[in-house]
């Protein structure tokens, strides 16, 4: 954590020291695809037939992805030391894709059927900072470049849960919403791209960007709990509403219901690969000698 704070201080100092010289702003957008093959859950379905044949069938499909995938928008300020070397400080807002997982079970009896089904959908939002260095060929109307740096993330993930059961005794349904938050994600970024010169101060850029990032939330909170149209959230204890994620726990320790419960840390994949497009405008450029 101290190293991260020191890095941000250096970035701020560098940015402030170059404002008296030439710098630019840029803005763009992209749609990120998952990088890697992270399994986020399953879509499972099973049928148990007790009407005479005692036949059973089932299927399961893994849901793969990354919470860093989806549309995002970015803005950045940068300083051009010369035509070949630049410093870039970017900010990005992510609107993550929604992932759906489920479990459906059907029991067939002679007089009735029994259905149990669970449905989950998760999605992330977040702000990410990207201090990086840019190395550019810096010549002609089309200049290739590479951009390399760190990614500091402050995401939040929402998980909606729905439980549904139908049997000869009636119908039961329940919905819950969990919000995972806090904890900073730290990763790295690499991009290759091309600047297309539109005028003396305006460029159009295209780039292929890869982000390698994992997030470890430090807390989750139950924000919604409805059972058969009844709001049960006010009846829950602190330990049922809030969970803190820590490095280690004592599984035999007695839970104090007036305090948040504790679980070991969980990881959330945020790696992505994307094709970015945008505009770069030079605000001030030092005159060539």
Protein backbone atom coordinates (compact mmCIF):
# COMPACT_ATOMS: atom_id res chain seq x y z
CA UNK A 1 0.00 0.00 0.00
CA UNK A 2 2.90 2.37 0.83
CA UNK A 3 4.47 1.62 -2.56
CA UNK A 4 1.20 2.44 -4.32
CA UNK A 5 0.85 5.76 -2.46
CA UNK A 6 4.47 6.62 -3.32
CA UNK A 7 3.82 5.82 -6.98
CA UNK A 8 0.74 8.05 -7.11
CA UNK A 9 2.72 10.87 -5.44
CA UNK A 10 5.45 10.56 -8.05
CA UNK A 11 2.87 10.56 -10.84
CA UNK A 12 1.21 13.69 -9.42
CA UNK A 13 4.58 15.42 -9.01
CA UNK A 14 5.60 14.59 -12.57
CA UNK A 15 2.28 15.77 -13.96
CA UNK A 16 2.46 19.02 -12.03
CA UNK A 17 6.06 19.69 -13.10
CA UNK A 18 5.28 19.40 -16.80
CA UNK A 19 2.22 21.61 -16.98
CA UNK A 20 4.50 24.54 -17.71
CA UNK A 21 5.67 22.67 -20.82
CA UNK A 22 3.76 21.03 -23.66
CA UNK A 23 0.96 18.58 -22.88
CA UNK A 24 -2.14 17.04 -24.46
CA UNK A 25 -5.52 15.60 -23.57
CA UNK A 26 -7.19 12.59 -25.13
CA UNK A 27 -10.58 10.88 -24.89
CA UNK A 28 -11.92 7.65 -26.30
CA UNK A 29 -14.04 4.57 -25.87
CA UNK A 30 -13.83 0.84 -26.27
CA UNK A 31 -15.56 -2.50 -25.74
CA UNK A 32 -13.43 -4.98 -23.82
CA UNK A 33 -13.45 -8.75 -24.29
CA UNK A 34 -12.46 -11.20 -21.54
CA UNK A 35 -8.78 -12.11 -21.45
CA UNK A 36 -8.18 -15.69 -20.30
CA UNK A 37 -10.73 -18.39 -19.49
CA UNK A 38 -11.98 -17.62 -16.00
CA UNK A 39 -14.94 -19.76 -14.89
CA UNK A 40 -17.50 -17.53 -13.12
CA UNK A 41 -20.15 -20.22 -12.52
CA UNK A 42 -22.41 -22.75 -14.23
CA UNK A 43 -25.76 -23.04 -15.92
CA UNK A 44 -26.99 -26.43 -14.67
CA UNK A 45 -30.22 -28.32 -15.26
CA UNK A 46 -31.35 -31.69 -13.84
CA UNK A 47 -34.50 -33.83 -14.00
CA UNK A 48 -35.29 -36.73 -11.66
CA UNK A 49 -38.23 -38.90 -12.75
CA UNK A 50 -39.83 -40.98 -9.97
CA UNK A 51 -43.02 -41.79 -11.84
CA UNK A 52 -41.98 -45.39 -12.56
CA UNK A 53 -38.98 -45.28 -14.83
CA UNK A 54 -36.69 -43.61 -12.30
CA UNK A 55 -34.89 -41.91 -15.18
CA UNK A 56 -32.56 -39.00 -14.52
CA UNK A 57 -31.11 -36.48 -16.96
CA UNK A 58 -28.90 -33.46 -16.51
CA UNK A 59 -26.63 -30.96 -18.18
CA UNK A 60 -24.17 -28.31 -17.06
CA UNK A 61 -22.42 -25.51 -18.95
CA UNK A 62 -19.61 -23.38 -17.58
CA UNK A 63 -19.98 -19.60 -17.79
CA UNK A 64 -16.61 -18.05 -18.56
CA UNK A 65 -15.64 -14.40 -18.67
CA UNK A 66 -14.11 -11.43 -16.89
CA UNK A 67 -15.79 -8.65 -14.93
CA UNK A 68 -13.50 -6.24 -16.77
CA UNK A 69 -15.22 -7.00 -20.08
CA UNK A 70 -17.78 -4.56 -21.48
CA UNK A 71 -17.95 -0.94 -22.67
CA UNK A 72 -15.73 1.70 -21.09
CA UNK A 73 -14.85 5.35 -21.60
CA UNK A 74 -11.53 7.03 -20.92
CA UNK A 75 -9.93 10.45 -20.64
CA UNK A 76 -6.26 11.25 -20.09
CA UNK A 77 -3.75 14.05 -19.82
CA UNK A 78 -0.21 13.57 -21.05
CA UNK A 79 3.08 15.28 -21.58
CA UNK A 80 5.19 14.97 -24.70
CA UNK A 81 8.87 15.12 -23.75
CA UNK A 82 9.71 14.87 -27.45
CA UNK A 83 8.30 13.21 -30.55
CA UNK A 84 9.29 9.76 -29.29
CA UNK A 85 8.64 9.74 -25.53
CA UNK A 86 5.52 10.73 -23.56
CA UNK A 87 3.98 10.31 -20.12
CA UNK A 88 0.24 9.58 -19.98
CA UNK A 89 -2.12 9.63 -16.98
CA UNK A 90 -5.51 8.15 -17.88
CA UNK A 91 -8.81 7.55 -16.14
CA UNK A 92 -11.34 4.95 -17.27
CA UNK A 93 -14.94 4.22 -16.30
CA UNK A 94 -16.07 0.62 -16.84
CA UNK A 95 -19.63 -0.57 -17.44
CA UNK A 96 -19.13 -4.30 -17.05
CA UNK A 97 -21.01 -7.05 -18.83
CA UNK A 98 -23.69 -8.95 -16.93
CA UNK A 99 -23.08 -12.67 -16.37
CA UNK A 100 -25.91 -15.10 -15.65
CA UNK A 101 -25.56 -18.44 -13.88
CA UNK A 102 -28.29 -20.79 -12.69
CA UNK A 103 -29.33 -24.13 -11.24
CA UNK A 104 -32.66 -25.74 -12.23
CA UNK A 105 -33.91 -29.03 -10.77
CA UNK A 106 -37.19 -30.81 -11.61
CA UNK A 107 -38.50 -33.73 -9.55
CA UNK A 108 -41.33 -35.74 -11.15
CA UNK A 109 -43.65 -37.73 -8.91
CA UNK A 110 -46.83 -39.60 -9.73
CA UNK A 111 -49.12 -36.97 -8.23
CA UNK A 112 -47.15 -33.72 -8.72
CA UNK A 113 -43.89 -32.08 -9.81
CA UNK A 114 -41.40 -30.29 -7.60
CA UNK A 115 -39.22 -27.50 -9.02
CA UNK A 116 -36.21 -25.86 -7.36
CA UNK A 117 -34.42 -23.13 -9.29
CA UNK A 118 -31.69 -20.63 -8.41
CA UNK A 119 -30.70 -17.73 -10.67
CA UNK A 120 -27.75 -15.37 -10.30
CA UNK A 121 -26.56 -12.39 -12.29
CA UNK A 122 -23.44 -10.35 -11.57
CA UNK A 123 -21.96 -7.20 -13.07
CA UNK A 124 -19.27 -4.70 -12.16
CA UNK A 125 -18.77 -0.96 -12.41
CA UNK A 126 -15.65 0.96 -11.56
CA UNK A 127 -13.10 3.71 -12.02
CA UNK A 128 -9.56 2.81 -13.07
CA UNK A 129 -6.39 4.92 -13.20
CA UNK A 130 -3.67 4.17 -15.72
CA UNK A 131 -0.29 5.93 -15.40
CA UNK A 132 1.85 4.87 -18.35
CA UNK A 133 4.75 5.74 -20.65
CA UNK A 134 4.31 6.05 -24.40
CA UNK A 135 7.05 5.30 -26.94
CA UNK A 136 6.24 6.62 -30.41
CA UNK A 137 7.91 6.53 -33.83
CA UNK A 138 6.83 10.18 -34.03
CA UNK A 139 7.07 10.82 -37.75
CA UNK A 140 4.76 11.21 -40.73
CA UNK A 141 0.98 11.40 -40.78
CA UNK A 142 0.68 7.91 -39.24
CA UNK A 143 2.89 7.24 -36.20
CA UNK A 144 2.95 3.81 -34.48
CA UNK A 145 3.39 3.74 -30.70
CA UNK A 146 3.47 1.50 -27.65
CA UNK A 147 1.98 2.37 -24.26
CA UNK A 148 2.94 0.52 -21.07
CA UNK A 149 1.98 1.13 -17.45
CA UNK A 150 0.06 0.22 -14.31
CA UNK A 151 -3.69 -0.04 -13.69
CA UNK A 152 -5.16 0.95 -10.33
CA UNK A 153 -8.79 -0.11 -9.97
CA UNK A 154 -11.58 0.80 -7.57
CA UNK A 155 -14.46 -1.41 -8.78
CA UNK A 156 -17.78 -2.44 -7.24
CA UNK A 157 -19.64 -5.62 -8.11
CA UNK A 158 -23.37 -6.31 -7.68
CA UNK A 159 -24.74 -9.84 -7.41
CA UNK A 160 -28.48 -10.50 -7.65
CA UNK A 161 -29.80 -13.84 -6.39
CA UNK A 162 -33.26 -15.29 -7.04
CA UNK A 163 -34.58 -18.54 -5.54
CA UNK A 164 -37.82 -20.16 -6.70
CA UNK A 165 -39.53 -23.35 -5.51
CA UNK A 166 -42.86 -24.95 -6.47
CA UNK A 167 -44.23 -28.16 -4.91
CA UNK A 168 -47.51 -29.60 -3.69
CA UNK A 169 -47.25 -27.38 -0.62
CA UNK A 170 -47.23 -24.12 -2.59
CA UNK A 171 -44.85 -21.61 -4.08
CA UNK A 172 -41.82 -19.95 -2.51
CA UNK A 173 -39.68 -17.18 -3.99
CA UNK A 174 -36.83 -15.14 -2.58
CA UNK A 175 -34.53 -12.42 -3.93
CA UNK A 176 -31.31 -11.04 -2.49
CA UNK A 177 -28.79 -8.46 -3.64
CA UNK A 178 -25.16 -8.36 -2.54
CA UNK A 179 -22.74 -5.50 -3.22
CA UNK A 180 -19.00 -6.24 -3.15
CA UNK A 181 -16.79 -3.22 -2.61
CA UNK A 182 -13.59 -1.70 -1.16
CA UNK A 183 -10.13 -3.02 -1.79
CA UNK A 184 -7.94 -1.70 -4.60
CA UNK A 185 -7.07 -3.74 -7.68
CA UNK A 186 -3.52 -3.44 -9.02
CA UNK A 187 -2.40 -4.75 -12.39
CA UNK A 188 -0.56 -3.79 -15.55
CA UNK A 189 -1.43 -2.65 -19.07
CA UNK A 190 0.21 -2.84 -22.49
CA UNK A 191 -1.00 -1.36 -25.78
CA UNK A 192 0.18 -0.93 -29.35
CA UNK A 193 -1.47 1.64 -31.57
CA UNK A 194 -1.32 4.23 -34.29
CA UNK A 195 -1.76 8.00 -34.22
CA UNK A 196 -3.36 9.41 -37.38
CA UNK A 197 -2.57 13.12 -37.76
CA UNK A 198 -5.69 15.13 -38.64
CA UNK A 199 -4.21 18.61 -38.11
CA UNK A 200 -1.29 20.29 -36.37
CA UNK A 201 -2.92 19.76 -32.95
CA UNK A 202 -5.50 16.99 -33.48
CA UNK A 203 -4.83 13.25 -33.84
CA UNK A 204 -7.12 10.25 -34.22
CA UNK A 205 -5.78 7.14 -32.49
CA UNK A 206 -6.50 3.43 -32.69
CA UNK A 207 -4.93 0.86 -30.39
CA UNK A 208 -5.06 -2.71 -29.16
CA UNK A 209 -4.99 -2.69 -25.36
CA UNK A 210 -4.41 -5.58 -22.94
CA UNK A 211 -5.09 -5.29 -19.19
CA UNK A 212 -4.09 -7.93 -16.65
CA UNK A 213 -5.95 -7.26 -13.42
CA UNK A 214 -7.39 -9.16 -10.44
CA UNK A 215 -9.52 -7.61 -7.70
CA UNK A 216 -9.81 -8.78 -4.09
CA UNK A 217 -12.83 -7.05 -2.48
CA UNK A 218 -12.55 -6.45 1.24
CA UNK A 219 -16.29 -6.27 2.02
CA UNK A 220 -19.74 -7.33 0.83
CA UNK A 221 -23.12 -6.06 2.02
CA UNK A 222 -26.62 -7.48 1.74
CA UNK A 223 -28.71 -4.59 0.38
CA UNK A 224 -31.95 -6.42 -0.51
CA UNK A 225 -33.74 -9.43 0.97
CA UNK A 226 -37.32 -10.15 -0.11
CA UNK A 227 -39.10 -13.41 0.75
CA UNK A 228 -42.60 -13.99 -0.66
CA UNK A 229 -43.08 -10.22 -1.00
CA UNK A 230 -41.93 -9.56 2.59
CA UNK A 231 -38.90 -7.36 3.28
CA UNK A 232 -36.68 -9.33 5.67
CA UNK A 233 -33.64 -7.05 5.52
CA UNK A 234 -34.48 -5.11 8.74
CA UNK A 235 -34.67 -8.44 10.63
CA UNK A 236 -31.13 -9.49 9.78
CA UNK A 237 -28.20 -9.25 12.19
CA UNK A 238 -24.99 -7.36 11.38
CA UNK A 239 -23.18 -10.64 10.72
CA UNK A 240 -25.87 -11.61 8.18
CA UNK A 241 -25.74 -8.24 6.38
CA UNK A 242 -22.01 -7.57 6.19
CA UNK A 243 -19.04 -9.82 5.41
CA UNK A 244 -15.38 -8.82 5.63
CA UNK A 245 -12.82 -10.72 3.54
CA UNK A 246 -9.52 -11.35 5.32
CA UNK A 247 -6.36 -13.38 4.74
CA UNK A 248 -7.20 -16.07 7.30
CA UNK A 249 -9.97 -17.03 9.70
CA UNK A 250 -10.53 -19.41 12.59
CA UNK A 251 -13.31 -21.77 11.38
CA UNK A 252 -14.01 -22.84 14.98
CA UNK A 253 -14.47 -19.31 16.34
CA UNK A 254 -17.96 -18.46 17.57
CA UNK A 255 -19.67 -15.79 15.46
CA UNK A 256 -20.68 -12.56 17.19
CA UNK A 257 -23.93 -11.60 15.44
CA UNK A 258 -23.43 -7.92 16.34
CA UNK A 259 -20.25 -7.79 14.24
CA UNK A 260 -19.60 -8.46 10.52
CA UNK A 261 -18.87 -12.05 9.62
CA UNK A 262 -15.47 -12.97 8.18
CA UNK A 263 -14.46 -15.10 5.20
CA UNK A 264 -11.17 -15.70 3.44
CA UNK A 265 -10.39 -13.43 0.51
CA UNK A 266 -12.01 -14.09 -2.88
CA UNK A 267 -10.60 -13.04 -6.25
CA UNK A 268 -12.51 -11.35 -9.07
CA UNK A 269 -11.01 -11.49 -12.60
CA UNK A 270 -10.89 -8.13 -14.42
CA UNK A 271 -8.45 -8.85 -17.27
CA UNK A 272 -9.51 -7.76 -20.76
CA UNK A 273 -8.37 -7.13 -24.31
CA UNK A 274 -9.90 -4.28 -26.31
CA UNK A 275 -9.62 -2.15 -29.43
CA UNK A 276 -9.62 1.52 -28.40
CA UNK A 277 -10.40 4.54 -30.57
CA UNK A 278 -10.35 8.23 -29.70
CA UNK A 279 -9.01 11.73 -30.27
CA UNK A 280 -5.88 13.41 -28.92
CA UNK A 281 -5.65 17.20 -28.79
CA UNK A 282 -2.38 19.03 -28.16
CA UNK A 283 -3.04 21.95 -25.82
CA UNK A 284 0.46 23.37 -25.93
CA UNK A 285 3.58 22.25 -27.69
CA UNK A 286 7.07 23.57 -27.11
CA UNK A 287 8.40 25.29 -30.18
CA UNK A 288 11.09 23.44 -32.07
CA UNK A 289 14.46 25.13 -31.95
